[in-house]
Amino acid sequence: MLSDAPARVYTGDDFNYVDMIAGDGSTHSEALLGAFAAVPRFASAAFGRLDEGDPAGFREILQPTVKLSRLVFTAPTQYYKVGVAWLAYLDGHQDHFKMIGGFETGRSILHLAELVRAAGEIGLFTDPEFTATRVEAFFAPYGAR
């Protein structure tokens, strides 16, 4: 465990969170919310490792998520929620990919495809066949196979 003090959770640097949270031996950040919305399973496992006093294990689990996080938070960053909703839909946590006010249109089709690739590379999807079915259905009207 890092400290007996209550955990504090902050929003902030969604590109360099692994080093910030693991710290340098004298300072650390306790967590950053935005980046973990897209990778909750990884974040939970990684923080479990930190709680066990295993910073190397923490880094091993969470470092691969940084590339995906950087893609989710690509400028304009106010559309990061599109990536979070898209990944949640593809993994079966939502039954649709719609956002209030059509906000899901804030990212391009290419960006959504890049998110699928990056998420697949780290094993984000718990049922890849289910995800593939949703991906194929979504991209079919755009001529993708």
N, C-alpha and C. Protein backbone atom coordinates (compact mmCIF):
# COMPACT_ATOMS: atom_id res chain seq x y z
N MET A 1 0.85 -1.16 0.00
CA MET A 1 0.00 0.00 0.00
C MET A 1 0.90 1.23 0.00
N LEU A 2 0.53 2.23 -0.79
CA LEU A 2 1.34 3.44 -0.88
C LEU A 2 1.30 4.26 0.39
N SER A 3 0.15 4.31 1.03
CA SER A 3 0.00 5.19 2.18
C SER A 3 -1.21 4.76 2.99
N ASP A 4 -1.21 5.11 4.28
CA ASP A 4 -2.39 4.86 5.11
C ASP A 4 -3.42 5.98 4.95
N ALA A 5 -3.03 7.06 4.30
CA ALA A 5 -3.95 8.19 4.10
C ALA A 5 -5.03 7.80 3.10
N PRO A 6 -6.19 8.44 3.18
CA PRO A 6 -7.25 8.15 2.22
C PRO A 6 -6.77 8.41 0.79
N ALA A 7 -7.23 7.59 -0.14
CA ALA A 7 -6.86 7.77 -1.54
C ALA A 7 -7.52 9.02 -2.09
N ARG A 8 -6.79 9.75 -2.91
CA ARG A 8 -7.33 10.91 -3.60
C ARG A 8 -7.29 10.62 -5.08
N VAL A 9 -8.34 10.96 -5.78
CA VAL A 9 -8.41 10.71 -7.21
C VAL A 9 -8.55 12.05 -7.92
N TYR A 10 -7.72 12.26 -8.92
CA TYR A 10 -7.70 13.52 -9.64
C TYR A 10 -7.89 13.27 -11.13
N THR A 11 -8.31 14.30 -11.83
CA THR A 11 -8.25 14.24 -13.29
C THR A 11 -6.97 14.94 -13.68
N GLY A 12 -6.48 14.69 -14.86
CA GLY A 12 -5.24 15.36 -15.23
C GLY A 12 -4.56 14.74 -16.40
N ASP A 13 -3.32 14.38 -16.24
CA ASP A 13 -2.47 13.93 -17.33
C ASP A 13 -2.85 12.52 -17.77
N ASP A 14 -3.57 12.44 -18.86
CA ASP A 14 -4.01 11.15 -19.36
C ASP A 14 -3.03 10.53 -20.34
N PHE A 15 -1.86 11.12 -20.50
CA PHE A 15 -0.85 10.58 -21.40
C PHE A 15 0.32 9.95 -20.64
N ASN A 16 0.61 10.39 -19.43
CA ASN A 16 1.79 9.94 -18.70
C ASN A 16 1.44 9.36 -17.34
N TYR A 17 0.27 8.79 -17.23
CA TYR A 17 -0.24 8.38 -15.92
C TYR A 17 0.53 7.24 -15.27
N VAL A 18 1.12 6.36 -16.02
CA VAL A 18 1.82 5.23 -15.40
C VAL A 18 2.96 5.73 -14.53
N ASP A 19 3.82 6.57 -15.08
CA ASP A 19 4.94 7.11 -14.30
C ASP A 19 4.47 8.01 -13.17
N MET A 20 3.44 8.80 -13.42
CA MET A 20 2.95 9.70 -12.37
C MET A 20 2.43 8.94 -11.16
N ILE A 21 1.67 7.88 -11.43
CA ILE A 21 1.08 7.13 -10.33
C ILE A 21 2.11 6.26 -9.62
N ALA A 22 2.97 5.59 -10.39
CA ALA A 22 4.00 4.74 -9.78
C ALA A 22 4.97 5.58 -8.97
N GLY A 23 5.21 6.79 -9.44
CA GLY A 23 6.08 7.70 -8.70
C GLY A 23 7.55 7.41 -8.88
N ASP A 24 8.33 8.19 -8.17
CA ASP A 24 9.79 8.08 -8.28
C ASP A 24 10.42 7.71 -6.94
N GLY A 25 9.63 7.21 -6.03
CA GLY A 25 10.15 6.83 -4.73
C GLY A 25 9.89 7.86 -3.66
N SER A 26 9.71 9.13 -4.06
CA SER A 26 9.43 10.16 -3.07
C SER A 26 8.12 10.89 -3.34
N THR A 27 7.67 10.89 -4.58
CA THR A 27 6.38 11.52 -4.90
C THR A 27 5.59 10.60 -5.83
N HIS A 28 4.29 10.79 -5.82
CA HIS A 28 3.41 10.04 -6.71
C HIS A 28 2.07 10.75 -6.78
N SER A 29 1.30 10.37 -7.78
CA SER A 29 -0.08 10.81 -7.88
C SER A 29 -0.93 9.59 -7.57
N GLU A 30 -2.08 9.78 -6.98
CA GLU A 30 -2.85 8.62 -6.56
C GLU A 30 -3.77 8.05 -7.64
N ALA A 31 -4.19 8.82 -8.60
CA ALA A 31 -4.97 8.29 -9.72
C ALA A 31 -5.48 9.42 -10.59
N LEU A 32 -5.86 9.06 -11.79
CA LEU A 32 -6.42 10.01 -12.75
C LEU A 32 -7.66 9.36 -13.35
N LEU A 33 -8.78 10.02 -13.27
CA LEU A 33 -10.04 9.40 -13.67
C LEU A 33 -10.21 9.15 -15.16
N GLY A 34 -10.01 10.13 -15.99
CA GLY A 34 -10.37 10.04 -17.39
C GLY A 34 -9.76 8.86 -18.12
N ALA A 35 -8.50 8.64 -17.93
CA ALA A 35 -7.82 7.57 -18.65
C ALA A 35 -8.36 6.19 -18.29
N PHE A 36 -8.84 6.02 -17.09
CA PHE A 36 -9.27 4.70 -16.66
C PHE A 36 -10.69 4.36 -17.06
N ALA A 37 -11.45 5.32 -17.54
CA ALA A 37 -12.82 5.05 -17.98
C ALA A 37 -12.83 4.07 -19.15
N ALA A 38 -11.79 4.10 -19.97
CA ALA A 38 -11.72 3.21 -21.13
C ALA A 38 -11.09 1.86 -20.81
N VAL A 39 -10.36 1.77 -19.70
CA VAL A 39 -9.63 0.53 -19.38
C VAL A 39 -9.83 0.13 -17.92
N PRO A 40 -11.06 0.05 -17.44
CA PRO A 40 -11.27 -0.19 -16.01
C PRO A 40 -10.70 -1.51 -15.51
N ARG A 41 -10.78 -2.56 -16.31
CA ARG A 41 -10.26 -3.86 -15.89
C ARG A 41 -8.75 -3.81 -15.68
N PHE A 42 -8.06 -3.13 -16.58
CA PHE A 42 -6.61 -2.98 -16.47
C PHE A 42 -6.24 -2.12 -15.26
N ALA A 43 -6.97 -1.02 -15.09
CA ALA A 43 -6.68 -0.13 -13.96
C ALA A 43 -6.88 -0.85 -12.64
N SER A 44 -7.97 -1.60 -12.53
CA SER A 44 -8.24 -2.32 -11.29
C SER A 44 -7.13 -3.33 -10.97
N ALA A 45 -6.73 -4.09 -11.97
CA ALA A 45 -5.67 -5.08 -11.76
C ALA A 45 -4.35 -4.40 -11.42
N ALA A 46 -4.05 -3.30 -12.10
CA ALA A 46 -2.79 -2.59 -11.85
C ALA A 46 -2.75 -2.01 -10.44
N PHE A 47 -3.86 -1.40 -10.02
CA PHE A 47 -3.88 -0.84 -8.67
C PHE A 47 -3.81 -1.93 -7.61
N GLY A 48 -4.34 -3.10 -7.93
CA GLY A 48 -4.19 -4.24 -7.03
C GLY A 48 -2.72 -4.59 -6.83
N ARG A 49 -1.95 -4.51 -7.91
CA ARG A 49 -0.52 -4.78 -7.82
C ARG A 49 0.18 -3.74 -6.95
N LEU A 50 -0.19 -2.47 -7.13
CA LEU A 50 0.41 -1.43 -6.28
C LEU A 50 0.07 -1.67 -4.82
N ASP A 51 -1.17 -2.05 -4.58
CA ASP A 51 -1.60 -2.31 -3.21
C ASP A 51 -0.81 -3.45 -2.58
N GLU A 52 -0.35 -4.37 -3.42
CA GLU A 52 0.47 -5.49 -2.95
C GLU A 52 1.95 -5.14 -2.87
N GLY A 53 2.29 -3.89 -3.19
CA GLY A 53 3.69 -3.46 -3.15
C GLY A 53 4.49 -3.90 -4.37
N ASP A 54 3.82 -4.04 -5.50
CA ASP A 54 4.47 -4.52 -6.72
C ASP A 54 4.39 -3.46 -7.83
N PRO A 55 5.23 -2.42 -7.74
CA PRO A 55 5.17 -1.37 -8.77
C PRO A 55 5.55 -1.87 -10.16
N ALA A 56 6.41 -2.88 -10.25
CA ALA A 56 6.77 -3.43 -11.56
C ALA A 56 5.55 -4.10 -12.20
N GLY A 57 4.79 -4.82 -11.40
CA GLY A 57 3.57 -5.45 -11.90
C GLY A 57 2.54 -4.42 -12.33
N PHE A 58 2.45 -3.33 -11.56
CA PHE A 58 1.57 -2.21 -11.91
C PHE A 58 1.93 -1.69 -13.30
N ARG A 59 3.21 -1.42 -13.50
CA ARG A 59 3.66 -0.89 -14.79
C ARG A 59 3.42 -1.89 -15.92
N GLU A 60 3.66 -3.15 -15.65
CA GLU A 60 3.49 -4.19 -16.67
C GLU A 60 2.04 -4.24 -17.17
N ILE A 61 1.10 -4.10 -16.27
CA ILE A 61 -0.31 -4.15 -16.64
C ILE A 61 -0.77 -2.85 -17.30
N LEU A 62 -0.38 -1.72 -16.76
CA LEU A 62 -0.95 -0.45 -17.20
C LEU A 62 -0.21 0.21 -18.37
N GLN A 63 1.09 -0.02 -18.50
CA GLN A 63 1.85 0.64 -19.56
C GLN A 63 1.27 0.39 -20.96
N PRO A 64 0.83 -0.83 -21.27
CA PRO A 64 0.27 -1.05 -22.61
C PRO A 64 -0.99 -0.22 -22.91
N THR A 65 -1.65 0.30 -21.88
CA THR A 65 -2.88 1.07 -22.10
C THR A 65 -2.61 2.52 -22.51
N VAL A 66 -1.38 2.97 -22.37
CA VAL A 66 -1.06 4.38 -22.64
C VAL A 66 -1.32 4.75 -24.10
N LYS A 67 -0.94 3.89 -25.03
CA LYS A 67 -1.17 4.17 -26.45
C LYS A 67 -2.66 4.37 -26.72
N LEU A 68 -3.49 3.50 -26.17
CA LEU A 68 -4.94 3.62 -26.35
C LEU A 68 -5.45 4.91 -25.71
N SER A 69 -4.97 5.22 -24.53
CA SER A 69 -5.40 6.45 -23.85
C SER A 69 -5.05 7.69 -24.67
N ARG A 70 -3.86 7.70 -25.21
CA ARG A 70 -3.45 8.85 -26.03
C ARG A 70 -4.36 9.00 -27.24
N LEU A 71 -4.78 7.90 -27.80
CA LEU A 71 -5.69 7.94 -28.93
C LEU A 71 -7.08 8.42 -28.50
N VAL A 72 -7.57 7.91 -27.38
CA VAL A 72 -8.87 8.35 -26.86
C VAL A 72 -8.86 9.85 -26.62
N PHE A 73 -7.76 10.37 -26.11
CA PHE A 73 -7.67 11.79 -25.74
C PHE A 73 -7.06 12.67 -26.83
N THR A 74 -7.00 12.18 -28.07
CA THR A 74 -6.53 13.00 -29.18
C THR A 74 -7.36 14.27 -29.27
N ALA A 75 -6.70 15.38 -29.58
CA ALA A 75 -7.41 16.66 -29.72
C ALA A 75 -8.42 16.56 -30.86
N PRO A 76 -9.54 17.20 -30.71
CA PRO A 76 -10.00 17.98 -29.57
C PRO A 76 -10.46 17.07 -28.42
N THR A 77 -9.86 17.28 -27.27
CA THR A 77 -10.03 16.36 -26.14
C THR A 77 -11.44 16.29 -25.59
N GLN A 78 -12.28 17.27 -25.87
CA GLN A 78 -13.64 17.19 -25.33
C GLN A 78 -14.39 15.98 -25.90
N TYR A 79 -13.86 15.38 -26.95
CA TYR A 79 -14.51 14.20 -27.53
C TYR A 79 -13.96 12.88 -27.01
N TYR A 80 -13.19 12.92 -25.93
CA TYR A 80 -12.67 11.67 -25.38
C TYR A 80 -13.81 10.74 -24.97
N LYS A 81 -14.94 11.31 -24.57
CA LYS A 81 -16.07 10.49 -24.13
C LYS A 81 -16.63 9.63 -25.26
N VAL A 82 -16.45 10.09 -26.50
CA VAL A 82 -16.86 9.29 -27.65
C VAL A 82 -16.08 7.98 -27.65
N GLY A 83 -14.78 8.06 -27.43
CA GLY A 83 -13.96 6.86 -27.39
C GLY A 83 -14.34 5.94 -26.26
N VAL A 84 -14.63 6.51 -25.11
CA VAL A 84 -15.04 5.70 -23.95
C VAL A 84 -16.35 4.99 -24.25
N ALA A 85 -17.32 5.73 -24.79
CA ALA A 85 -18.62 5.13 -25.12
C ALA A 85 -18.49 4.07 -26.21
N TRP A 86 -17.67 4.35 -27.21
CA TRP A 86 -17.45 3.41 -28.32
C TRP A 86 -16.87 2.10 -27.81
N LEU A 87 -15.84 2.17 -26.98
CA LEU A 87 -15.21 0.97 -26.45
C LEU A 87 -16.16 0.21 -25.53
N ALA A 88 -16.94 0.94 -24.74
CA ALA A 88 -17.93 0.29 -23.86
C ALA A 88 -18.98 -0.44 -24.69
N TYR A 89 -19.44 0.19 -25.76
CA TYR A 89 -20.41 -0.45 -26.65
C TYR A 89 -19.81 -1.72 -27.27
N LEU A 90 -18.60 -1.62 -27.78
CA LEU A 90 -17.98 -2.77 -28.43
C LEU A 90 -17.73 -3.93 -27.48
N ASP A 91 -17.54 -3.63 -26.20
CA ASP A 91 -17.28 -4.69 -25.22
C ASP A 91 -18.56 -5.19 -24.55
N GLY A 92 -19.72 -4.67 -25.00
CA GLY A 92 -21.00 -5.17 -24.48
C GLY A 92 -21.51 -4.49 -23.23
N HIS A 93 -20.91 -3.39 -22.83
CA HIS A 93 -21.36 -2.69 -21.63
C HIS A 93 -22.50 -1.72 -21.91
N GLN A 94 -22.78 -1.49 -23.19
CA GLN A 94 -23.90 -0.64 -23.63
C GLN A 94 -24.55 -1.35 -24.80
N ASP A 95 -25.85 -1.13 -24.98
CA ASP A 95 -26.52 -1.79 -26.10
C ASP A 95 -26.64 -0.90 -27.34
N HIS A 96 -26.01 0.25 -27.31
CA HIS A 96 -26.03 1.16 -28.46
C HIS A 96 -24.81 2.08 -28.39
N PHE A 97 -24.54 2.73 -29.51
CA PHE A 97 -23.46 3.71 -29.55
C PHE A 97 -24.06 5.06 -29.92
N LYS A 98 -24.88 5.56 -29.06
CA LYS A 98 -25.50 6.87 -29.24
C LYS A 98 -25.21 7.70 -28.00
N MET A 99 -25.01 9.00 -28.24
CA MET A 99 -24.75 9.92 -27.14
C MET A 99 -25.71 11.10 -27.25
N ILE A 100 -25.99 11.73 -26.16
CA ILE A 100 -26.90 12.88 -26.14
C ILE A 100 -26.43 13.93 -27.13
N GLY A 101 -27.37 14.43 -27.91
CA GLY A 101 -27.07 15.49 -28.87
C GLY A 101 -26.23 15.04 -30.05
N GLY A 102 -26.14 13.74 -30.29
CA GLY A 102 -25.32 13.26 -31.41
C GLY A 102 -23.83 13.41 -31.18
N PHE A 103 -23.43 13.50 -29.92
CA PHE A 103 -22.03 13.74 -29.57
C PHE A 103 -21.09 12.68 -30.16
N GLU A 104 -21.63 11.48 -30.44
CA GLU A 104 -20.78 10.41 -30.99
C GLU A 104 -20.21 10.76 -32.36
N THR A 105 -20.76 11.77 -33.00
CA THR A 105 -20.25 12.19 -34.31
C THR A 105 -19.01 13.08 -34.18
N GLY A 106 -18.56 13.32 -32.98
CA GLY A 106 -17.39 14.16 -32.75
C GLY A 106 -16.07 13.51 -33.14
N ARG A 107 -16.09 12.24 -33.44
CA ARG A 107 -14.89 11.54 -33.90
C ARG A 107 -15.16 10.92 -35.26
N SER A 108 -14.14 10.86 -36.08
CA SER A 108 -14.28 10.32 -37.43
C SER A 108 -14.39 8.80 -37.42
N ILE A 109 -14.86 8.26 -38.52
CA ILE A 109 -14.92 6.81 -38.69
C ILE A 109 -13.52 6.22 -38.60
N LEU A 110 -12.55 6.89 -39.18
CA LEU A 110 -11.16 6.42 -39.11
C LEU A 110 -10.68 6.37 -37.66
N HIS A 111 -11.01 7.40 -36.88
CA HIS A 111 -10.60 7.43 -35.48
C HIS A 111 -11.21 6.24 -34.73
N LEU A 112 -12.49 5.97 -34.97
CA LEU A 112 -13.14 4.84 -34.31
C LEU A 112 -12.46 3.52 -34.70
N ALA A 113 -12.08 3.39 -35.96
CA ALA A 113 -11.37 2.18 -36.41
C ALA A 113 -10.01 2.06 -35.72
N GLU A 114 -9.32 3.18 -35.57
CA GLU A 114 -8.02 3.15 -34.88
C GLU A 114 -8.19 2.75 -33.42
N LEU A 115 -9.28 3.18 -32.79
CA LEU A 115 -9.54 2.77 -31.41
C LEU A 115 -9.75 1.26 -31.32
N VAL A 116 -10.48 0.71 -32.28
CA VAL A 116 -10.69 -0.75 -32.29
C VAL A 116 -9.35 -1.47 -32.37
N ARG A 117 -8.51 -1.02 -33.27
CA ARG A 117 -7.20 -1.67 -33.45
C ARG A 117 -6.36 -1.56 -32.16
N ALA A 118 -6.26 -0.37 -31.61
CA ALA A 118 -5.44 -0.17 -30.41
C ALA A 118 -5.99 -0.96 -29.22
N ALA A 119 -7.30 -0.99 -29.07
CA ALA A 119 -7.91 -1.75 -27.97
C ALA A 119 -7.69 -3.25 -28.16
N GLY A 120 -7.80 -3.71 -29.39
CA GLY A 120 -7.56 -5.12 -29.67
C GLY A 120 -6.13 -5.53 -29.39
N GLU A 121 -5.19 -4.64 -29.67
CA GLU A 121 -3.77 -4.94 -29.44
C GLU A 121 -3.45 -5.21 -27.98
N ILE A 122 -4.20 -4.60 -27.07
CA ILE A 122 -3.92 -4.81 -25.65
C ILE A 122 -4.87 -5.83 -25.01
N GLY A 123 -5.76 -6.41 -25.81
CA GLY A 123 -6.69 -7.39 -25.27
C GLY A 123 -7.80 -6.78 -24.44
N LEU A 124 -8.25 -5.60 -24.82
CA LEU A 124 -9.29 -4.92 -24.06
C LEU A 124 -10.62 -5.65 -24.10
N PHE A 125 -10.95 -6.23 -25.24
CA PHE A 125 -12.28 -6.80 -25.42
C PHE A 125 -12.38 -8.18 -24.77
N THR A 126 -13.38 -8.33 -23.90
CA THR A 126 -13.53 -9.59 -23.16
C THR A 126 -14.07 -10.72 -24.03
N ASP A 127 -14.80 -10.38 -25.09
CA ASP A 127 -15.34 -11.37 -26.03
C ASP A 127 -15.07 -10.86 -27.44
N PRO A 128 -13.88 -11.16 -27.99
CA PRO A 128 -13.50 -10.62 -29.29
C PRO A 128 -14.48 -10.95 -30.43
N GLU A 129 -15.12 -12.11 -30.38
CA GLU A 129 -16.09 -12.46 -31.43
C GLU A 129 -17.31 -11.55 -31.35
N PHE A 130 -17.79 -11.29 -30.15
CA PHE A 130 -18.92 -10.37 -29.96
C PHE A 130 -18.54 -8.99 -30.47
N THR A 131 -17.35 -8.54 -30.10
CA THR A 131 -16.87 -7.23 -30.54
C THR A 131 -16.77 -7.18 -32.06
N ALA A 132 -16.24 -8.22 -32.66
CA ALA A 132 -16.10 -8.25 -34.12
C ALA A 132 -17.46 -8.13 -34.80
N THR A 133 -18.47 -8.77 -34.24
CA THR A 133 -19.81 -8.67 -34.80
C THR A 133 -20.31 -7.23 -34.77
N ARG A 134 -20.09 -6.57 -33.66
CA ARG A 134 -20.52 -5.17 -33.54
C ARG A 134 -19.71 -4.26 -34.47
N VAL A 135 -18.42 -4.49 -34.55
CA VAL A 135 -17.56 -3.68 -35.42
C VAL A 135 -18.01 -3.84 -36.87
N GLU A 136 -18.20 -5.08 -37.30
CA GLU A 136 -18.60 -5.33 -38.68
C GLU A 136 -19.94 -4.68 -39.00
N ALA A 137 -20.91 -4.79 -38.09
CA ALA A 137 -22.22 -4.19 -38.32
C ALA A 137 -22.13 -2.67 -38.39
N PHE A 138 -21.30 -2.09 -37.54
CA PHE A 138 -21.17 -0.63 -37.52
C PHE A 138 -20.52 -0.11 -38.80
N PHE A 139 -19.45 -0.75 -39.24
CA PHE A 139 -18.70 -0.25 -40.39
C PHE A 139 -19.27 -0.69 -41.75
N ALA A 140 -20.16 -1.67 -41.78
CA ALA A 140 -20.72 -2.16 -43.05
C ALA A 140 -21.32 -1.06 -43.92
N PRO A 141 -22.10 -0.13 -43.37
CA PRO A 141 -22.66 0.93 -44.23
C PRO A 141 -21.60 1.84 -44.86
N TYR A 142 -20.39 1.78 -44.35
CA TYR A 142 -19.30 2.61 -44.87
C TYR A 142 -18.44 1.84 -45.88
N GLY A 143 -18.86 0.62 -46.20
CA GLY A 143 -18.15 -0.18 -47.19
C GLY A 143 -17.02 -1.02 -46.63
N ALA A 144 -16.90 -1.08 -45.32
CA ALA A 144 -15.83 -1.87 -44.70
C ALA A 144 -16.26 -3.32 -44.58
N ARG A 145 -15.31 -4.20 -44.73
CA ARG A 145 -15.58 -5.63 -44.56
C ARG A 145 -14.63 -6.23 -43.58
